[in-house]
PDB file of all heavy atoms in Angstrom:
ATOM      1  N   MET A   1      73.368 115.224 106.424  1.00  0.00           N
ATOM      2  CA  MET A   1      74.464 114.315 106.762  1.00  0.00           C
ATOM      3  C   MET A   1      75.118 113.827 105.472  1.00  0.00           C
ATOM      4  O   MET A   1      74.461 113.356 104.562  1.00  0.00           O
ATOM      5  CB  MET A   1      73.950 113.108 107.544  1.00  0.00           C
ATOM      6  CG  MET A   1      75.011 112.091 107.909  1.00  0.00           C
ATOM      7  SD  MET A   1      74.340 110.759 108.922  1.00  0.00           S
ATOM      8  CE  MET A   1      73.125 110.063 107.805  1.00  0.00           C
ATOM      9  N   SER A   2      76.431 113.950 105.363  1.00  0.00           N
ATOM     10  CA  SER A   2      77.145 113.503 104.174  1.00  0.00           C
ATOM     11  C   SER A   2      77.949 112.262 104.472  1.00  0.00           C
ATOM     12  O   SER A   2      78.341 112.014 105.610  1.00  0.00           O
ATOM     13  CB  SER A   2      78.076 114.614 103.669  1.00  0.00           C
ATOM     14  OG  SER A   2      79.053 114.914 104.638  1.00  0.00           O
ATOM     15  N   VAL A   3      78.199 111.475 103.431  1.00  0.00           N
ATOM     16  CA  VAL A   3      78.983 110.256 103.551  1.00  0.00           C
ATOM     17  C   VAL A   3      80.285 110.456 102.818  1.00  0.00           C
ATOM     18  O   VAL A   3      80.311 110.957 101.693  1.00  0.00           O
ATOM     19  CB  VAL A   3      78.228 109.051 102.954  1.00  0.00           C
ATOM     20  CG1 VAL A   3      79.074 107.802 103.012  1.00  0.00           C
ATOM     21  CG2 VAL A   3      76.922 108.843 103.693  1.00  0.00           C
ATOM     22  N   THR A   4      81.394 110.088 103.435  1.00  0.00           N
ATOM     23  CA  THR A   4      82.708 110.283 102.853  1.00  0.00           C
ATOM     24  C   THR A   4      83.162 109.026 102.125  1.00  0.00           C
ATOM     25  O   THR A   4      83.376 107.992 102.753  1.00  0.00           O
ATOM     26  CB  THR A   4      83.749 110.624 103.938  1.00  0.00           C
ATOM     27  OG1 THR A   4      83.280 111.754 104.670  1.00  0.00           O
ATOM     28  CG2 THR A   4      85.103 110.916 103.324  1.00  0.00           C
ATOM     29  N   PRO A   5      83.305 109.085 100.789  1.00  0.00           N
ATOM     30  CA  PRO A   5      83.841 107.925 100.075  1.00  0.00           C
ATOM     31  C   PRO A   5      85.290 107.698 100.463  1.00  0.00           C
ATOM     32  O   PRO A   5      86.014 108.636 100.784  1.00  0.00           O
ATOM     33  CB  PRO A   5      83.719 108.333  98.593  1.00  0.00           C
ATOM     34  CG  PRO A   5      82.792 109.500  98.564  1.00  0.00           C
ATOM     35  CD  PRO A   5      82.964 110.187  99.893  1.00  0.00           C
ATOM     36  N   ASP A   6      85.725 106.443 100.422  1.00  0.00           N
ATOM     37  CA  ASP A   6      87.112 106.128 100.700  1.00  0.00           C
ATOM     38  C   ASP A   6      87.904 106.266  99.400  1.00  0.00           C
ATOM     39  O   ASP A   6      87.659 105.538  98.433  1.00  0.00           O
ATOM     40  CB  ASP A   6      87.237 104.695 101.224  1.00  0.00           C
ATOM     41  CG  ASP A   6      88.613 104.392 101.759  1.00  0.00           C
ATOM     42  OD1 ASP A   6      89.585 104.887 101.164  1.00  0.00           O
ATOM     43  OD2 ASP A   6      88.707 103.664 102.760  1.00  0.00           O
ATOM     44  N   PRO A   7      88.871 107.210  99.324  1.00  0.00           N
ATOM     45  CA  PRO A   7      89.593 107.432  98.067  1.00  0.00           C
ATOM     46  C   PRO A   7      90.411 106.231  97.626  1.00  0.00           C
ATOM     47  O   PRO A   7      90.804 106.131  96.471  1.00  0.00           O
ATOM     48  CB  PRO A   7      90.494 108.635  98.400  1.00  0.00           C
ATOM     49  CG  PRO A   7      90.640 108.613  99.877  1.00  0.00           C
ATOM     50  CD  PRO A   7      89.334 108.094 100.389  1.00  0.00           C
ATOM     51  N   ALA A   8      90.702 105.292  98.560  1.00  0.00           N
ATOM     52  CA  ALA A   8      91.508 104.127  98.199  1.00  0.00           C
ATOM     53  C   ALA A   8      90.689 103.058  97.479  1.00  0.00           C
ATOM     54  O   ALA A   8      91.237 102.093  96.962  1.00  0.00           O
ATOM     55  CB  ALA A   8      92.155 103.526  99.458  1.00  0.00           C
ATOM     56  N   PHE A   9      89.365 103.220  97.447  1.00  0.00           N
ATOM     57  CA  PHE A   9      88.512 102.199  96.828  1.00  0.00           C
ATOM     58  C   PHE A   9      88.650 102.242  95.323  1.00  0.00           C
ATOM     59  O   PHE A   9      88.512 103.278  94.682  1.00  0.00           O
ATOM     60  CB  PHE A   9      87.054 102.419  97.224  1.00  0.00           C
ATOM     61  CG  PHE A   9      86.116 101.432  96.582  1.00  0.00           C
ATOM     62  CD1 PHE A   9      86.253 100.080  96.840  1.00  0.00           C
ATOM     63  CD2 PHE A   9      85.119 101.856  95.728  1.00  0.00           C
ATOM     64  CE1 PHE A   9      85.385  99.165  96.269  1.00  0.00           C
ATOM     65  CE2 PHE A   9      84.255 100.952  95.157  1.00  0.00           C
ATOM     66  CZ  PHE A   9      84.382  99.602  95.424  1.00  0.00           C
ATOM     67  N   ASP A  10      88.944 101.119  94.736  1.00  0.00           N
ATOM     68  CA  ASP A  10      89.132 100.995  93.299  1.00  0.00           C
ATOM     69  C   ASP A  10      87.864 100.437  92.692  1.00  0.00           C
ATOM     70  O   ASP A  10      87.555  99.262  92.851  1.00  0.00           O
ATOM     71  CB  ASP A  10      90.324 100.065  93.029  1.00  0.00           C
ATOM     72  CG  ASP A  10      90.557  99.861  91.535  1.00  0.00           C
ATOM     73  OD1 ASP A  10      90.020 100.651  90.742  1.00  0.00           O
ATOM     74  OD2 ASP A  10      91.285  98.894  91.199  1.00  0.00           O
ATOM     75  N   GLU A  11      87.111 101.265  91.967  1.00  0.00           N
ATOM     76  CA  GLU A  11      85.831 100.829  91.420  1.00  0.00           C
ATOM     77  C   GLU A  11      86.068 100.019  90.145  1.00  0.00           C
ATOM     78  O   GLU A  11      85.881 100.484  89.035  1.00  0.00           O
ATOM     79  CB  GLU A  11      84.928 102.028  91.148  1.00  0.00           C
ATOM     80  CG  GLU A  11      84.457 102.706  92.424  1.00  0.00           C
ATOM     81  CD  GLU A  11      83.332 103.668  92.149  1.00  0.00           C
ATOM     82  OE1 GLU A  11      82.234 103.219  91.781  1.00  0.00           O
ATOM     83  OE2 GLU A  11      83.542 104.872  92.291  1.00  0.00           O
ATOM     84  N   THR A  12      86.488  98.778  90.326  1.00  0.00           N
ATOM     85  CA  THR A  12      86.751  97.868  89.240  1.00  0.00           C
ATOM     86  C   THR A  12      85.907  96.620  89.435  1.00  0.00           C
ATOM     87  O   THR A  12      85.321  96.420  90.503  1.00  0.00           O
ATOM     88  CB  THR A  12      88.244  97.495  89.201  1.00  0.00           C
ATOM     89  OG1 THR A  12      88.622  97.019  90.486  1.00  0.00           O
ATOM     90  CG2 THR A  12      89.086  98.710  88.853  1.00  0.00           C
ATOM     91  N   PRO A  13      85.816  95.736  88.445  1.00  0.00           N
ATOM     92  CA  PRO A  13      84.922  94.584  88.553  1.00  0.00           C
ATOM     93  C   PRO A  13      85.188  93.670  89.745  1.00  0.00           C
ATOM     94  O   PRO A  13      84.289  92.955  90.167  1.00  0.00           O
ATOM     95  CB  PRO A  13      85.176  93.850  87.223  1.00  0.00           C
ATOM     96  CG  PRO A  13      85.561  94.929  86.265  1.00  0.00           C
ATOM     97  CD  PRO A  13      86.384  95.890  87.092  1.00  0.00           C
ATOM     98  N   GLN A  14      86.432  93.683  90.277  1.00  0.00           N
ATOM     99  CA  GLN A  14      86.671  92.784  91.407  1.00  0.00           C
ATOM    100  C   GLN A  14      86.010  93.296  92.695  1.00  0.00           C
ATOM    101  O   GLN A  14      86.054  92.630  93.713  1.00  0.00           O
ATOM    102  CB  GLN A  14      88.175  92.569  91.644  1.00  0.00           C
ATOM    103  CG  GLN A  14      88.936  93.793  92.105  1.00  0.00           C
ATOM    104  CD  GLN A  14      89.652  94.477  90.956  1.00  0.00           C
ATOM    105  OE1 GLN A  14      89.165  94.453  89.830  1.00  0.00           O
ATOM    106  NE2 GLN A  14      90.793  95.078  91.225  1.00  0.00           N
ATOM    107  N   HIS A  15      85.408  94.467  92.642  1.00  0.00           N
ATOM    108  CA  HIS A  15      84.693  95.007  93.798  1.00  0.00           C
ATOM    109  C   HIS A  15      83.232  95.261  93.408  1.00  0.00           C
ATOM    110  O   HIS A  15      82.792  96.405  93.341  1.00  0.00           O
ATOM    111  CB  HIS A  15      85.317  96.327  94.272  1.00  0.00           C
ATOM    112  CG  HIS A  15      86.745  96.217  94.644  1.00  0.00           C
ATOM    113  ND1 HIS A  15      87.188  95.391  95.625  1.00  0.00           N
ATOM    114  CD2 HIS A  15      87.836  96.846  94.150  1.00  0.00           C
ATOM    115  CE1 HIS A  15      88.500  95.507  95.748  1.00  0.00           C
ATOM    116  NE2 HIS A  15      88.909  96.372  94.850  1.00  0.00           N
ATOM    117  N   PRO A  16      82.451  94.235  93.104  1.00  0.00           N
ATOM    118  CA  PRO A  16      81.070  94.454  92.656  1.00  0.00           C
ATOM    119  C   PRO A  16      80.226  95.114  93.738  1.00  0.00           C
ATOM    120  O   PRO A  16      80.262  94.714  94.882  1.00  0.00           O
ATOM    121  CB  PRO A  16      80.564  93.035  92.342  1.00  0.00           C
ATOM    122  CG  PRO A  16      81.415  92.131  93.195  1.00  0.00           C
ATOM    123  CD  PRO A  16      82.758  92.798  93.264  1.00  0.00           C
ATOM    124  N   HIS A  17      79.457  96.106  93.333  1.00  0.00           N
ATOM    125  CA  HIS A  17      78.605  96.812  94.291  1.00  0.00           C
ATOM    126  C   HIS A  17      77.612  95.866  94.959  1.00  0.00           C
ATOM    127  O   HIS A  17      77.231  96.054  96.115  1.00  0.00           O
ATOM    128  CB  HIS A  17      77.862  97.936  93.578  1.00  0.00           C
ATOM    129  CG  HIS A  17      78.731  99.125  93.297  1.00  0.00           C
ATOM    130  ND1 HIS A  17      78.375 100.093  92.417  1.00  0.00           N
ATOM    131  CD2 HIS A  17      79.942  99.464  93.772  1.00  0.00           C
ATOM    132  CE1 HIS A  17      79.322 101.022  92.361  1.00  0.00           C
ATOM    133  NE2 HIS A  17      80.291 100.655  93.169  1.00  0.00           N
ATOM    134  N   ALA A  18      77.164  94.835  94.234  1.00  0.00           N
ATOM    135  CA  ALA A  18      76.154  93.940  94.781  1.00  0.00           C
ATOM    136  C   ALA A  18      76.637  93.210  96.017  1.00  0.00           C
ATOM    137  O   ALA A  18      75.838  92.766  96.829  1.00  0.00           O
ATOM    138  CB  ALA A  18      75.743  92.923  93.722  1.00  0.00           C
ATOM    139  N   ALA A  19      77.958  93.085  96.169  1.00  0.00           N
ATOM    140  CA  ALA A  19      78.499  92.338  97.302  1.00  0.00           C
ATOM    141  C   ALA A  19      78.920  93.245  98.450  1.00  0.00           C
ATOM    142  O   ALA A  19      79.474  92.767  99.431  1.00  0.00           O
ATOM    143  CB  ALA A  19      79.685  91.493  96.840  1.00  0.00           C
ATOM    144  N   VAL A  20      78.666  94.529  98.346  1.00  0.00           N
ATOM    145  CA  VAL A  20      79.059  95.453  99.407  1.00  0.00           C
ATOM    146  C   VAL A  20      78.292  95.131 100.689  1.00  0.00           C
ATOM    147  O   VAL A  20      77.094  94.861 100.658  1.00  0.00           O
ATOM    148  CB  VAL A  20      78.815  96.911  98.989  1.00  0.00           C
ATOM    149  CG1 VAL A  20      78.905  97.856 100.173  1.00  0.00           C
ATOM    150  CG2 VAL A  20      79.823  97.320  97.918  1.00  0.00           C
ATOM    151  N   ARG A  21      79.018  95.144 101.802  1.00  0.00           N
ATOM    152  CA  ARG A  21      78.411  94.896 103.104  1.00  0.00           C
ATOM    153  C   ARG A  21      78.457  96.184 103.927  1.00  0.00           C
ATOM    154  O   ARG A  21      79.471  96.852 103.970  1.00  0.00           O
ATOM    155  CB  ARG A  21      79.165  93.787 103.849  1.00  0.00           C
ATOM    156  CG  ARG A  21      79.251  92.472 103.108  1.00  0.00           C
ATOM    157  CD  ARG A  21      80.091  91.476 103.892  1.00  0.00           C
ATOM    158  NE  ARG A  21      80.210  90.209 103.193  1.00  0.00           N
ATOM    159  CZ  ARG A  21      81.164  89.922 102.325  1.00  0.00           C
ATOM    160  NH1 ARG A  21      82.109  90.817 102.060  1.00  0.00           N
ATOM    161  NH2 ARG A  21      81.205  88.742 101.729  1.00  0.00           N
ATOM    162  N   ILE A  22      77.378  96.472 104.620  1.00  0.00           N
ATOM    163  CA  ILE A  22      77.354  97.605 105.544  1.00  0.00           C
ATOM    164  C   ILE A  22      77.600  97.084 106.951  1.00  0.00           C
ATOM    165  O   ILE A  22      76.985  96.113 107.388  1.00  0.00           O
ATOM    166  CB  ILE A  22      76.019  98.360 105.464  1.00  0.00           C
ATOM    167  CG1 ILE A  22      75.925  99.135 104.140  1.00  0.00           C
ATOM    168  CG2 ILE A  22      75.866  99.329 106.649  1.00  0.00           C
ATOM    169  CD1 ILE A  22      74.599  99.836 103.925  1.00  0.00           C
ATOM    170  N   GLY A  23      78.522  97.716 107.635  1.00  0.00           N
ATOM    171  CA  GLY A  23      78.782  97.413 109.031  1.00  0.00           C
ATOM    172  C   GLY A  23      78.511  98.635 109.885  1.00  0.00           C
ATOM    173  O   GLY A  23      78.815  99.761 109.463  1.00  0.00           O
ATOM    174  N   ILE A  24      77.944  98.423 111.058  1.00  0.00           N
ATOM    175  CA  ILE A  24      77.614  99.531 111.956  1.00  0.00           C
ATOM    176  C   ILE A  24      78.152  99.207 113.340  1.00  0.00           C
ATOM    177  O   ILE A  24      77.973  98.093 113.840  1.00  0.00           O
ATOM    178  CB  ILE A  24      76.089  99.763 112.045  1.00  0.00           C
ATOM    179  CG1 ILE A  24      75.506 100.058 110.653  1.00  0.00           C
ATOM    180  CG2 ILE A  24      75.769 100.912 113.004  1.00  0.00           C
ATOM    181  CD1 ILE A  24      73.986 100.111 110.632  1.00  0.00           C
ATOM    182  N   ASP A  25      78.799 100.172 113.939  1.00  0.00           N
ATOM    183  CA  ASP A  25      79.263 100.058 115.319  1.00  0.00           C
ATOM    184  C   ASP A  25      78.472 101.063 116.151  1.00  0.00           C
ATOM    185  O   ASP A  25      78.707 102.270 116.073  1.00  0.00           O
ATOM    186  CB  ASP A  25      80.762 100.352 115.399  1.00  0.00           C
ATOM    187  CG  ASP A  25      81.321 100.194 116.811  1.00  0.00           C
ATOM    188  OD1 ASP A  25      80.607  99.636 117.668  1.00  0.00           O
ATOM    189  OD2 ASP A  25      82.461 100.635 117.054  1.00  0.00           O
ATOM    190  N   LEU A  26      77.527 100.539 116.919  1.00  0.00           N
ATOM    191  CA  LEU A  26      76.670 101.397 117.746  1.00  0.00           C
ATOM    192  C   LEU A  26      77.314 101.554 119.116  1.00  0.00           C
ATOM    193  O   LEU A  26      77.192 100.690 119.986  1.00  0.00           O
ATOM    194  CB  LEU A  26      75.270 100.784 117.865  1.00  0.00           C
ATOM    195  CG  LEU A  26      74.266 101.478 118.802  1.00  0.00           C
ATOM    196  CD1 LEU A  26      74.101 102.940 118.439  1.00  0.00           C
ATOM    197  CD2 LEU A  26      72.930 100.754 118.765  1.00  0.00           C
ATOM    198  N   GLY A  27      78.041 102.643 119.300  1.00  0.00           N
ATOM    199  CA  GLY A  27      78.735 102.887 120.552  1.00  0.00           C
ATOM    200  C   GLY A  27      77.949 103.780 121.483  1.00  0.00           C
ATOM    201  O   GLY A  27      76.890 104.310 121.132  1.00  0.00           O
ATOM    202  N   GLY A  28      78.483 103.983 122.674  1.00  0.00           N
ATOM    203  CA  GLY A  28      77.802 104.807 123.662  1.00  0.00           C
ATOM    204  C   GLY A  28      77.847 106.286 123.341  1.00  0.00           C
ATOM    205  O   GLY A  28      76.964 107.039 123.741  1.00  0.00           O
ATOM    206  N   THR A  29      78.866 106.717 122.600  1.00  0.00           N
ATOM    207  CA  THR A  29      79.003 108.139 122.269  1.00  0.00           C
ATOM    208  C   THR A  29      78.939 108.409 120.777  1.00  0.00           C
ATOM    209  O   THR A  29      78.645 109.524 120.370  1.00  0.00           O
ATOM    210  CB  THR A  29      80.330 108.705 122.816  1.00  0.00           C
ATOM    211  OG1 THR A  29      81.425 107.939 122.269  1.00  0.00           O
ATOM    212  CG2 THR A  29      80.376 108.621 124.324  1.00  0.00           C
ATOM    213  N   LYS A  30      79.247 107.411 119.936  1.00  0.00           N
ATOM    214  CA  LYS A  30      79.212 107.621 118.497  1.00  0.00           C
ATOM    215  C   LYS A  30      78.695 106.366 117.789  1.00  0.00           C
ATOM    216  O   LYS A  30      78.785 105.249 118.313  1.00  0.00           O
ATOM    217  CB  LYS A  30      80.598 107.956 117.944  1.00  0.00           C
ATOM    218  CG  LYS A  30      81.589 106.808 118.020  1.00  0.00           C
ATOM    219  CD  LYS A  30      82.885 107.125 117.323  1.00  0.00           C
ATOM    220  CE  LYS A  30      83.910 106.008 117.507  1.00  0.00           C
ATOM    221  NZ  LYS A  30      83.467 104.712 116.930  1.00  0.00           N
ATOM    222  N   ILE A  31      78.142 106.588 116.605  1.00  0.00           N
ATOM    223  CA  ILE A  31      77.787 105.503 115.703  1.00  0.00           C
ATOM    224  C   ILE A  31      78.675 105.629 114.476  1.00  0.00           C
ATOM    225  O   ILE A  31      78.744 106.697 113.866  1.00  0.00           O
ATOM    226  CB  ILE A  31      76.314 105.564 115.253  1.00  0.00           C
ATOM    227  CG1 ILE A  31      75.368 105.599 116.451  1.00  0.00           C
ATOM    228  CG2 ILE A  31      75.980 104.386 114.350  1.00  0.00           C
ATOM    229  CD1 ILE A  31      73.910 105.839 116.068  1.00  0.00           C
ATOM    230  N   GLU A  32      79.381 104.552 114.134  1.00  0.00           N
ATOM    231  CA  GLU A  32      80.150 104.536 112.895  1.00  0.00           C
ATOM    232  C   GLU A  32      79.526 103.517 111.964  1.00  0.00           C
ATOM    233  O   GLU A  32      79.157 102.416 112.380  1.00  0.00           O
ATOM    234  CB  GLU A  32      81.612 104.172 113.145  1.00  0.00           C
ATOM    235  CG  GLU A  32      82.430 104.161 111.851  1.00  0.00           C
ATOM    236  CD  GLU A  32      83.912 103.932 112.059  1.00  0.00           C
ATOM    237  OE1 GLU A  32      84.284 103.531 113.177  1.00  0.00           O
ATOM    238  OE2 GLU A  32      84.673 104.140 111.114  1.00  0.00           O
ATOM    239  N   ALA A  33      79.397 103.892 110.706  1.00  0.00           N
ATOM    240  CA  ALA A  33      78.870 102.981 109.693  1.00  0.00           C
ATOM    241  C   ALA A  33      79.791 103.004 108.493  1.00  0.00           C
ATOM    242  O   ALA A  33      80.301 104.062 108.105  1.00  0.00           O
ATOM    243  CB  ALA A  33      77.455 103.401 109.281  1.00  0.00           C
ATOM    244  N   VAL A  34      80.023 101.828 107.910  1.00  0.00           N
ATOM    245  CA  VAL A  34      80.879 101.732 106.727  1.00  0.00           C
ATOM    246  C   VAL A  34      80.221 100.839 105.696  1.00  0.00           C
ATOM    247  O   VAL A  34      79.405  99.977 106.015  1.00  0.00           O
ATOM    248  CB  VAL A  34      82.278 101.161 107.064  1.00  0.00           C
ATOM    249  CG1 VAL A  34      82.992 102.026 108.087  1.00  0.00           C
ATOM    250  CG2 VAL A  34      82.195  99.711 107.538  1.00  0.00           C
ATOM    251  N   ALA A  35      80.608 101.055 104.451  1.00  0.00           N
ATOM    252  CA  ALA A  35      80.330 100.116 103.375  1.00  0.00           C
ATOM    253  C   ALA A  35      81.653  99.458 103.046  1.00  0.00           C
ATOM    254  O   ALA A  35      82.663 100.138 102.840  1.00  0.00           O
ATOM    255  CB  ALA A  35      79.757 100.836 102.168  1.00  0.00           C
ATOM    256  N   MET A  36      81.660  98.116 103.008  1.00  0.00           N
ATOM    257  CA  MET A  36      82.901  97.375 102.835  1.00  0.00           C
ATOM    258  C   MET A  36      82.814  96.459 101.628  1.00  0.00           C
ATOM    259  O   MET A  36      81.827  95.741 101.447  1.00  0.00           O
ATOM    260  CB  MET A  36      83.216  96.554 104.087  1.00  0.00           C
ATOM    261  CG  MET A  36      84.597  95.940 104.108  1.00  0.00           C
ATOM    262  SD  MET A  36      84.961  95.115 105.701  1.00  0.00           S
ATOM    263  CE  MET A  36      84.011  93.599 105.517  1.00  0.00           C
ATOM    264  N   ALA A  37      83.860  96.484 100.787  1.00  0.00           N
ATOM    265  CA  ALA A  37      83.944  95.616  99.624  1.00  0.00           C
ATOM    266  C   ALA A  37      84.291  94.185 100.059  1.00  0.00           C
ATOM    267  O   ALA A  37      84.715  93.968 101.196  1.00  0.00           O
ATOM    268  CB  ALA A  37      84.998  96.155  98.661  1.00  0.00           C
ATOM    269  N   PRO A  38      84.129  93.215  99.168  1.00  0.00           N
ATOM    270  CA  PRO A  38      84.379  91.815  99.540  1.00  0.00           C
ATOM    271  C   PRO A  38      85.785  91.539 100.063  1.00  0.00           C
ATOM    272  O   PRO A  38      85.975  90.619 100.856  1.00  0.00           O
ATOM    273  CB  PRO A  38      84.118  91.060  98.232  1.00  0.00           C
ATOM    274  CG  PRO A  38      83.179  91.917  97.480  1.00  0.00           C
ATOM    275  CD  PRO A  38      83.561  93.325  97.814  1.00  0.00           C
ATOM    276  N   ASN A  39      86.767  92.317  99.624  1.00  0.00           N
ATOM    277  CA  ASN A  39      88.144  92.066 100.060  1.00  0.00           C
ATOM    278  C   ASN A  39      88.510  92.809 101.340  1.00  0.00           C
ATOM    279  O   ASN A  39      89.657  92.796 101.763  1.00  0.00           O
ATOM    280  CB  ASN A  39      89.127  92.443  98.954  1.00  0.00           C
ATOM    281  CG  ASN A  39      89.166  93.947  98.682  1.00  0.00           C
ATOM    282  OD1 ASN A  39      88.316  94.686  99.180  1.00  0.00           O
ATOM    283  ND2 ASN A  39      90.118  94.381  97.885  1.00  0.00           N
ATOM    284  N   GLY A  40      87.522  93.477 101.973  1.00  0.00           N
ATOM    285  CA  GLY A  40      87.774  94.194 103.209  1.00  0.00           C
ATOM    286  C   GLY A  40      88.080  95.666 103.031  1.00  0.00           C
ATOM    287  O   GLY A  40      88.234  96.391 104.008  1.00  0.00           O
ATOM    288  N   THR A  41      88.152  96.141 101.793  1.00  0.00           N
ATOM    289  CA  THR A  41      88.374  97.559 101.536  1.00  0.00           C
ATOM    290  C   THR A  41      87.134  98.362 101.917  1.00  0.00           C
ATOM    291  O   THR A  41      86.018  97.982 101.565  1.00  0.00           O
ATOM    292  CB  THR A  41      88.705  97.807 100.056  1.00  0.00           C
ATOM    293  OG1 THR A  41      89.860  97.071  99.697  1.00  0.00           O
ATOM    294  CG2 THR A  41      88.938  99.289  99.794  1.00  0.00           C
ATOM    295  N   LEU A  42      87.336  99.459 102.639  1.00  0.00           N
ATOM    296  CA  LEU A  42      86.205 100.309 103.002  1.00  0.00           C
ATOM    297  C   LEU A  42      85.872 101.247 101.852  1.00  0.00           C
ATOM    298  O   LEU A  42      86.717 102.003 101.379  1.00  0.00           O
ATOM    299  CB  LEU A  42      86.524 101.104 104.270  1.00  0.00           C
ATOM    300  CG  LEU A  42      86.793 100.273 105.531  1.00  0.00           C
ATOM    301  CD1 LEU A  42      86.926 101.185 106.749  1.00  0.00           C
ATOM    302  CD2 LEU A  42      85.702  99.237 105.765  1.00  0.00           C
ATOM    303  N   VAL A  43      84.641 101.189 101.400  1.00  0.00           N
ATOM    304  CA  VAL A  43      84.177 101.984 100.278  1.00  0.00           C
ATOM    305  C   VAL A  43      83.778 103.385 100.736  1.00  0.00           C
ATOM    306  O   VAL A  43      84.053 104.388 100.083  1.00  0.00           O
ATOM    307  CB  VAL A  43      82.968 101.291  99.608  1.00  0.00           C
ATOM    308  CG1 VAL A  43      82.465 102.120  98.435  1.00  0.00           C
ATOM    309  CG2 VAL A  43      83.345  99.893  99.172  1.00  0.00           C
ATOM    310  N   ALA A  44      83.086 103.461 101.868  1.00  0.00           N
ATOM    311  CA  ALA A  44      82.623 104.742 102.407  1.00  0.00           C
ATOM    312  C   ALA A  44      82.393 104.574 103.892  1.00  0.00           C
ATOM    313  O   ALA A  44      82.227 103.454 104.382  1.00  0.00           O
ATOM    314  CB  ALA A  44      81.345 105.202 101.710  1.00  0.00           C
TER     315      ALA A  44
END
């Protein structure tokens, strides 16, 4: 299983990795998971 990075994510100090939040949507047919930066930008 591979994870797709979000090309719009700007890896600069205002997006510290330590503050990344993982969100998961457990649906009936699919599971979506994301890593989200503090400003709401999706990292992957």
